[in-house]
Amino acid sequence: MKAPQSIILRPIVTEKSAALTQAHHVITFEVARDANKIEIRKAVEVLFSVKVADVRVAKTVGRIKKVGRSIGRTSDGKKAYVKLAAGEKLPPIFEGV
């Protein structure tokens, strides 16, 4: 298994992710594109010391960006919606989000 820090890249903090966190105890992360659900589950359990009930993943397609005359493209990505098990508290980093 890869290092947990190389699987979980960063948390995603948006209005949608904050609403999911408050209502359903779901935390949203940007993850490595080659990571699967099992690796994501183990990485979250190791990094945050919580039990995970469910993991859902979604691929994100890069967008076209224009700066002056040049046209570029942002890279593709992957995000994971991690639902914590019943009775688990949110890690302190996600409280108040």
C-alpha atoms as a PDB file:
ATOM      1  CA  MET A   1       0.000   0.000   0.000  1.00  0.00           C
ATOM      2  CA  LYS A   2       1.133   3.538  -0.735  1.00  0.00           C
ATOM      3  CA  ALA A   3       1.705   6.068   2.013  1.00  0.00           C
ATOM      4  CA  PRO A   4      -1.575   7.614   3.242  1.00  0.00           C
ATOM      5  CA  GLN A   5      -0.188  11.107   2.593  1.00  0.00           C
ATOM      6  CA  SER A   6       0.256  10.275  -1.099  1.00  0.00           C
ATOM      7  CA  ILE A   7      -3.336   9.013  -1.407  1.00  0.00           C
ATOM      8  CA  ILE A   8      -5.179  11.861   0.375  1.00  0.00           C
ATOM      9  CA  LEU A   9      -3.997  15.047  -1.339  1.00  0.00           C
ATOM     10  CA  ARG A  10      -6.153  17.724   0.310  1.00  0.00           C
ATOM     11  CA  PRO A  11      -9.623  18.302   1.746  1.00  0.00           C
ATOM     12  CA  ILE A  12     -12.189  19.995  -0.470  1.00  0.00           C
ATOM     13  CA  VAL A  13     -13.956  22.845   1.330  1.00  0.00           C
ATOM     14  CA  THR A  14     -16.972  24.182  -0.564  1.00  0.00           C
ATOM     15  CA  GLU A  15     -20.566  24.983   0.333  1.00  0.00           C
ATOM     16  CA  LYS A  16     -21.646  21.547  -0.873  1.00  0.00           C
ATOM     17  CA  SER A  17     -18.971  19.711   1.119  1.00  0.00           C
ATOM     18  CA  ALA A  18     -19.728  21.769   4.247  1.00  0.00           C
ATOM     19  CA  ALA A  19     -23.432  20.915   3.951  1.00  0.00           C
ATOM     20  CA  LEU A  20     -22.608  17.206   3.540  1.00  0.00           C
ATOM     21  CA  THR A  21     -20.329  17.330   6.575  1.00  0.00           C
ATOM     22  CA  GLN A  22     -22.956  18.939   8.802  1.00  0.00           C
ATOM     23  CA  ALA A  23     -25.919  16.844   7.661  1.00  0.00           C
ATOM     24  CA  HIS A  24     -24.443  13.408   6.959  1.00  0.00           C
ATOM     25  CA  HIS A  25     -20.905  13.273   8.447  1.00  0.00           C
ATOM     26  CA  VAL A  26     -19.397  13.031   4.958  1.00  0.00           C
ATOM     27  CA  ILE A  27     -15.911  14.454   4.395  1.00  0.00           C
ATOM     28  CA  THR A  28     -14.740  15.328   0.875  1.00  0.00           C
ATOM     29  CA  PHE A  29     -11.122  14.880  -0.235  1.00  0.00           C
ATOM     30  CA  GLU A  30      -9.130  15.280  -3.408  1.00  0.00           C
ATOM     31  CA  VAL A  31      -7.315  11.972  -3.855  1.00  0.00           C
ATOM     32  CA  ALA A  32      -4.696  10.486  -6.157  1.00  0.00           C
ATOM     33  CA  ARG A  33      -6.106   9.473  -9.533  1.00  0.00           C
ATOM     34  CA  ASP A  34      -4.848   5.898  -9.226  1.00  0.00           C
ATOM     35  CA  ALA A  35      -6.245   5.348  -5.705  1.00  0.00           C
ATOM     36  CA  ASN A  36      -9.140   2.943  -5.216  1.00  0.00           C
ATOM     37  CA  LYS A  37     -11.854   2.872  -2.533  1.00  0.00           C
ATOM     38  CA  ILE A  38     -10.031   0.394  -0.293  1.00  0.00           C
ATOM     39  CA  GLU A  39      -6.822   2.461  -0.273  1.00  0.00           C
ATOM     40  CA  ILE A  40      -8.789   5.648   0.420  1.00  0.00           C
ATOM     41  CA  ARG A  41     -10.638   4.002   3.332  1.00  0.00           C
ATOM     42  CA  LYS A  42      -7.411   2.766   4.947  1.00  0.00           C
ATOM     43  CA  ALA A  43      -5.654   6.105   4.429  1.00  0.00           C
ATOM     44  CA  VAL A  44      -8.463   8.076   6.115  1.00  0.00           C
ATOM     45  CA  GLU A  45      -8.623   5.613   9.017  1.00  0.00           C
ATOM     46  CA  VAL A  46      -4.852   5.873   9.564  1.00  0.00           C
ATOM     47  CA  LEU A  47      -4.520   9.649   9.144  1.00  0.00           C
ATOM     48  CA  PHE A  48      -7.551  10.736  11.196  1.00  0.00           C
ATOM     49  CA  SER A  49      -8.069   7.763  13.582  1.00  0.00           C
ATOM     50  CA  VAL A  50     -11.737   7.293  12.670  1.00  0.00           C
ATOM     51  CA  LYS A  51     -13.863   4.415  11.375  1.00  0.00           C
ATOM     52  CA  VAL A  52     -15.165   4.778   7.819  1.00  0.00           C
ATOM     53  CA  ALA A  53     -18.623   3.497   6.855  1.00  0.00           C
ATOM     54  CA  ASP A  54     -18.640   4.223   3.118  1.00  0.00           C
ATOM     55  CA  VAL A  55     -16.436   5.651   0.365  1.00  0.00           C
ATOM     56  CA  ARG A  56     -17.713   7.035  -2.925  1.00  0.00           C
ATOM     57  CA  VAL A  57     -15.451   8.387  -5.648  1.00  0.00           C
ATOM     58  CA  ALA A  58     -15.976  10.704  -8.607  1.00  0.00           C
ATOM     59  CA  LYS A  59     -13.631  11.618 -11.429  1.00  0.00           C
ATOM     60  CA  THR A  60     -13.284  15.300 -12.256  1.00  0.00           C
ATOM     61  CA  VAL A  61     -12.472  16.415 -15.786  1.00  0.00           C
ATOM     62  CA  GLY A  62      -9.967  19.225 -16.285  1.00  0.00           C
ATOM     63  CA  ARG A  63     -11.229  22.487 -17.728  1.00  0.00           C
ATOM     64  CA  ILE A  64      -9.880  24.653 -20.532  1.00  0.00           C
ATOM     65  CA  LYS A  65      -8.299  27.899 -19.318  1.00  0.00           C
ATOM     66  CA  LYS A  66      -7.352  30.890 -21.453  1.00  0.00           C
ATOM     67  CA  VAL A  67      -4.731  33.479 -20.527  1.00  0.00           C
ATOM     68  CA  GLY A  68      -4.279  36.033 -23.273  1.00  0.00           C
ATOM     69  CA  ARG A  69      -3.742  34.120 -26.488  1.00  0.00           C
ATOM     70  CA  SER A  70      -2.554  30.912 -24.926  1.00  0.00           C
ATOM     71  CA  ILE A  71      -4.963  28.123 -24.190  1.00  0.00           C
ATOM     72  CA  GLY A  72      -4.200  25.561 -21.518  1.00  0.00           C
ATOM     73  CA  ARG A  73      -5.996  22.870 -19.620  1.00  0.00           C
ATOM     74  CA  THR A  74      -6.203  22.053 -15.931  1.00  0.00           C
ATOM     75  CA  SER A  75      -5.419  18.478 -15.005  1.00  0.00           C
ATOM     76  CA  ASP A  76      -7.990  15.766 -14.409  1.00  0.00           C
ATOM     77  CA  GLY A  77      -8.559  14.647 -10.846  1.00  0.00           C
ATOM     78  CA  LYS A  78     -10.491  12.436  -8.506  1.00  0.00           C
ATOM     79  CA  LYS A  79     -12.435  13.210  -5.357  1.00  0.00           C
ATOM     80  CA  ALA A  80     -13.702  10.960  -2.616  1.00  0.00           C
ATOM     81  CA  TYR A  81     -16.758  11.335  -0.415  1.00  0.00           C
ATOM     82  CA  VAL A  82     -15.968   9.543   2.864  1.00  0.00           C
ATOM     83  CA  LYS A  83     -18.854   8.787   5.245  1.00  0.00           C
ATOM     84  CA  LEU A  84     -17.848   8.255   8.860  1.00  0.00           C
ATOM     85  CA  ALA A  85     -19.278   5.358  10.846  1.00  0.00           C
ATOM     86  CA  ALA A  86     -22.111   5.982  13.293  1.00  0.00           C
ATOM     87  CA  GLY A  87     -20.876   7.357  16.599  1.00  0.00           C
ATOM     88  CA  GLU A  88     -17.617   8.717  15.166  1.00  0.00           C
ATOM     89  CA  LYS A  89     -16.757  12.342  15.823  1.00  0.00           C
ATOM     90  CA  LEU A  90     -15.455  14.568  13.066  1.00  0.00           C
ATOM     91  CA  PRO A  91     -11.703  15.159  13.188  1.00  0.00           C
ATOM     92  CA  PRO A  92     -10.970  18.573  14.765  1.00  0.00           C
ATOM     93  CA  ILE A  93      -9.766  19.980  11.450  1.00  0.00           C
ATOM     94  CA  PHE A  94     -13.299  19.633   9.998  1.00  0.00           C
ATOM     95  CA  GLU A  95     -15.309  21.006  12.922  1.00  0.00           C
ATOM     96  CA  GLY A  96     -16.911  24.347  12.208  1.00  0.00           C
ATOM     97  CA  VAL A  97     -16.540  24.011   8.441  1.00  0.00           C
END
